[in-house]
Structures are given as structure tokens and as C-alpha cells.
Amino acid sequence: MAKNKNVEIPEKSEEKAKREEPRVGETIRVYFKVREKGDKTRETFFEGDLIAKKGQGKGKTITVRRLGNNKIAIERIFPLYSPLITKIETKSKPKKRARRAKLYYQRQADK
């Protein structure tokens, strides 16, 4: 914390500077750790379209949506700065930027 005329100003978080945030509309792959029985852990991934970002600071979350078997949609919410997330890859970017902050209308497009 830096002090400026008796007012505390928070410094940039090291994690935030280290990890580049994906944008809404991109297709991303989130690698995360899964705990199994006992002390075993394994790393797996979830790939899909980023449809929403919520919150701010350490509590920020992202919602990723993909189509599974038989066109059943699967949505998963990840805390962006969780220690269980090892990395986030951007697989593809849209041709044009998303003009909405939340792409919930994609839910109706899959029906």
C-alpha cells in the first residue's frame, strides 16, 4: 500500500499483472486441478466460449459455455484468481468484438 497525503492507495496485484484476462466472446481453454480420492490431484481442462465476467478484484468470476454431446449445453463458473486454475489459453478470438458484456442470448440460440 502506498501512502499519498494520508490516503492509502492499493498497489496493483501481482497476480493480476501476471495473468492476462480473456475477453467476452473468445473461445478459451481453462486448465484446473481436480482433487480425487485421498491426496491425488490431476489437471484437466474445460474449453468453451466466454459468455460473462462478473465481480471485481480477487472475487472476479468467468462463465464458460460449451456444447456437449447431443447439443446439451454445459456452463461452468470459474473464480478467475483461484489457486486451482493453472492457466487460461485463448483458442480463438471473434472476427468482431462482442458488443455486449454478457452473451446470455447464446442460451436461446442453442434451443
Protein backbone atom coordinates (compact mmCIF):
# COMPACT_ATOMS: atom_id res chain seq x y z
CA MET A 1 0.00 0.00 0.00
CA ALA A 2 1.36 3.37 -0.98
CA LYS A 3 0.56 6.40 1.12
CA ASN A 4 -0.29 9.70 -0.53
CA LYS A 5 -1.33 12.59 1.77
CA ASN A 6 -2.67 10.23 4.47
CA VAL A 7 -4.75 8.27 1.94
CA GLU A 8 -3.85 4.64 1.30
CA ILE A 9 -3.82 3.67 -2.38
CA PRO A 10 -3.76 -0.07 -3.13
CA GLU A 11 -0.97 -1.19 -5.45
CA LYS A 12 -1.56 -3.41 -8.47
CA SER A 13 -1.94 -7.05 -7.59
CA GLU A 14 0.96 -9.20 -8.74
CA GLU A 15 -1.42 -11.96 -9.84
CA LYS A 16 -3.50 -9.58 -11.93
CA ALA A 17 -0.43 -8.22 -13.67
CA LYS A 18 0.86 -11.74 -14.28
CA ARG A 19 -2.34 -13.26 -15.71
CA GLU A 20 -3.87 -11.69 -18.82
CA GLU A 21 -7.66 -11.67 -18.67
CA PRO A 22 -9.60 -13.11 -21.62
CA ARG A 23 -12.35 -11.03 -23.24
CA VAL A 24 -16.03 -11.90 -23.56
CA GLY A 25 -16.73 -13.71 -26.84
CA GLU A 26 -13.39 -15.54 -27.05
CA THR A 27 -13.10 -19.30 -27.11
CA ILE A 28 -10.90 -20.24 -24.18
CA ARG A 29 -9.47 -23.34 -22.53
CA VAL A 30 -9.28 -23.26 -18.72
CA TYR A 31 -6.82 -25.70 -17.13
CA PHE A 32 -7.62 -26.50 -13.49
CA LYS A 33 -6.76 -29.02 -10.78
CA VAL A 34 -9.28 -31.62 -9.64
CA ARG A 35 -8.94 -33.43 -6.31
CA GLU A 36 -9.68 -37.12 -6.36
CA LYS A 37 -9.85 -39.70 -3.56
CA GLY A 38 -7.18 -39.24 -0.97
CA ASP A 39 -4.35 -36.85 -1.76
CA LYS A 40 -4.42 -37.40 -5.53
CA THR A 41 -4.87 -34.44 -7.85
CA ARG A 42 -4.97 -34.27 -11.62
CA GLU A 43 -5.14 -31.47 -14.13
CA THR A 44 -7.95 -31.25 -16.65
CA PHE A 45 -9.41 -28.55 -18.89
CA PHE A 46 -12.75 -27.06 -19.90
CA GLU A 47 -12.99 -25.46 -23.34
CA GLY A 48 -15.79 -23.19 -24.49
CA ASP A 49 -16.97 -19.65 -25.18
CA LEU A 50 -16.54 -17.00 -22.52
CA ILE A 51 -20.05 -15.58 -22.12
CA ALA A 52 -19.77 -13.46 -18.94
CA LYS A 53 -17.43 -11.86 -16.44
CA LYS A 54 -18.69 -10.80 -13.00
CA GLY A 55 -17.28 -9.17 -9.91
CA GLN A 56 -14.11 -7.25 -9.31
CA GLY A 57 -10.74 -7.77 -7.71
CA LYS A 58 -9.96 -11.17 -6.24
CA GLY A 59 -13.62 -12.23 -6.40
CA LYS A 60 -13.94 -11.91 -10.19
CA THR A 61 -15.56 -14.91 -11.92
CA ILE A 62 -15.91 -16.00 -15.54
CA THR A 63 -18.67 -18.13 -17.09
CA VAL A 64 -17.63 -20.55 -19.83
CA ARG A 65 -20.19 -22.34 -22.03
CA ARG A 66 -19.70 -25.27 -24.40
CA LEU A 67 -21.90 -27.70 -26.28
CA GLY A 68 -21.55 -31.30 -25.14
CA ASN A 69 -22.93 -34.50 -26.59
CA ASN A 70 -26.34 -34.31 -28.29
CA LYS A 71 -26.17 -30.49 -28.25
CA ILE A 72 -26.56 -30.30 -24.48
CA ALA A 73 -25.07 -27.05 -23.24
CA ILE A 74 -22.70 -27.13 -20.27
CA GLU A 75 -21.86 -23.95 -18.37
CA ARG A 76 -19.21 -23.66 -15.74
CA ILE A 77 -18.32 -20.73 -13.49
CA PHE A 78 -14.66 -20.29 -12.51
CA PRO A 79 -13.18 -17.89 -9.96
CA LEU A 80 -10.58 -16.09 -12.09
CA TYR A 81 -7.87 -15.87 -9.42
CA SER A 82 -8.39 -19.30 -7.85
CA PRO A 83 -5.21 -21.23 -6.98
CA LEU A 84 -6.81 -24.30 -8.59
CA ILE A 85 -6.72 -22.66 -12.06
CA THR A 86 -3.28 -23.30 -13.53
CA LYS A 87 -3.64 -21.40 -16.82
CA ILE A 88 -6.12 -19.94 -19.30
CA GLU A 89 -5.43 -20.23 -23.04
CA THR A 90 -7.19 -18.25 -25.74
CA LYS A 91 -8.02 -20.67 -28.56
CA SER A 92 -9.70 -18.26 -30.95
CA LYS A 93 -10.87 -14.68 -31.00
CA PRO A 94 -14.05 -13.49 -32.71
CA LYS A 95 -13.79 -11.64 -36.02
CA LYS A 96 -15.55 -8.68 -34.42
CA ARG A 97 -15.54 -7.75 -30.76
CA ALA A 98 -18.58 -8.62 -28.65
CA ARG A 99 -20.84 -5.62 -28.29
CA ARG A 100 -22.40 -6.92 -25.08
CA ALA A 101 -20.83 -7.54 -21.70
CA LYS A 102 -22.88 -10.69 -21.19
CA LEU A 103 -23.67 -13.07 -24.04
CA TYR A 104 -26.65 -14.78 -22.39
CA TYR A 105 -28.58 -14.64 -25.66
CA GLN A 106 -26.50 -17.63 -26.81
CA ARG A 107 -28.58 -19.76 -24.46
CA GLN A 108 -31.67 -19.28 -26.62
CA ALA A 109 -29.74 -19.81 -29.86
CA ASP A 110 -28.95 -23.43 -28.89
CA LYS A 111 -32.59 -24.49 -28.45
